[in-house]
Amino acid sequence: MIRREGDSLILEGAVTLDTVPGLIGAAEEHLRQGGARVVDFSNVTEVDSAAVALAIECLRKASESQTG
């Protein structure tokens, strides 16, 4: 799950190959709205290498929203 609090996107639960596709879609929606500066992984309970892909995608989308 991903939710927004102020300028933070807060991830909760598993961030794995199975969950990242849905998380990317949700993160994109939040990033399109602008103002998100932090992606908080502190409530993540399970992680694999897909979490790195999610972090990179969030950075890319944030950069796009600032320049476009």
Protein backbone atom coordinates (compact mmCIF):
# COMPACT_ATOMS: atom_id res chain seq x y z
CA MET A 1 0.00 0.00 0.00
CA ILE A 2 1.10 3.56 -0.64
CA ARG A 3 -0.44 6.68 0.85
CA ARG A 4 0.43 10.32 0.96
CA GLU A 5 0.94 12.48 4.02
CA GLY A 6 2.00 16.01 3.19
CA ASP A 7 5.10 15.83 1.03
CA SER A 8 5.74 12.13 1.83
CA LEU A 9 4.68 8.97 0.06
CA ILE A 10 4.51 6.27 2.71
CA LEU A 11 4.91 2.64 1.71
CA GLU A 12 3.47 -0.08 3.92
CA GLY A 13 3.65 -3.85 3.73
CA ALA A 14 5.58 -5.85 1.16
CA VAL A 15 7.55 -4.20 -1.63
CA THR A 16 8.31 -7.18 -3.82
CA LEU A 17 8.12 -8.33 -7.41
CA ASP A 18 4.45 -9.18 -6.82
CA THR A 19 3.45 -5.80 -5.37
CA VAL A 20 5.64 -3.27 -7.17
CA PRO A 21 3.56 -3.01 -10.39
CA GLY A 22 0.57 -1.77 -8.40
CA LEU A 23 2.71 0.45 -6.22
CA ILE A 24 4.28 2.10 -9.25
CA GLY A 25 0.85 2.99 -10.59
CA ALA A 26 -0.22 4.46 -7.27
CA ALA A 27 3.07 6.35 -6.86
CA GLU A 28 2.75 7.81 -10.36
CA GLU A 29 -0.68 9.20 -9.48
CA HIS A 30 0.65 10.84 -6.31
CA LEU A 31 3.70 12.22 -8.13
CA ARG A 32 1.53 13.68 -10.91
CA GLN A 33 -0.20 15.75 -8.25
CA GLY A 34 3.19 17.25 -7.35
CA GLY A 35 4.75 18.17 -4.06
CA ALA A 36 5.95 14.71 -3.00
CA ARG A 37 9.55 14.99 -1.82
CA VAL A 38 10.02 11.87 0.32
CA VAL A 39 9.38 8.17 -0.27
CA ASP A 40 9.24 6.60 3.18
CA PHE A 41 10.10 2.88 3.35
CA SER A 42 10.06 2.69 7.17
CA ASN A 43 6.79 0.70 7.32
CA VAL A 44 7.83 -1.85 4.70
CA THR A 45 7.67 -5.39 6.06
CA GLU A 46 9.19 -7.37 3.18
CA VAL A 47 11.51 -6.30 0.40
CA ASP A 48 13.35 -7.74 -2.57
CA SER A 49 15.25 -6.23 -5.48
CA ALA A 50 12.02 -4.91 -6.98
CA ALA A 51 12.06 -2.23 -4.28
CA VAL A 52 15.10 -0.71 -5.99
CA ALA A 53 13.14 -0.53 -9.24
CA LEU A 54 10.31 1.23 -7.41
CA ALA A 55 12.69 3.76 -5.86
CA ILE A 56 14.29 4.50 -9.25
CA GLU A 57 10.89 4.85 -10.91
CA CYS A 58 9.77 7.29 -8.22
CA LEU A 59 12.90 9.37 -8.77
CA ARG A 60 12.34 9.35 -12.52
CA LYS A 61 8.68 10.36 -12.22
CA ALA A 62 9.48 13.08 -9.69
CA SER A 63 12.11 14.48 -12.02
CA GLU A 64 9.68 14.43 -14.94
CA SER A 65 7.01 16.24 -12.94
CA GLN A 66 9.48 19.00 -12.05
CA THR A 67 10.66 19.54 -15.62
CA GLY A 68 7.42 18.97 -17.49
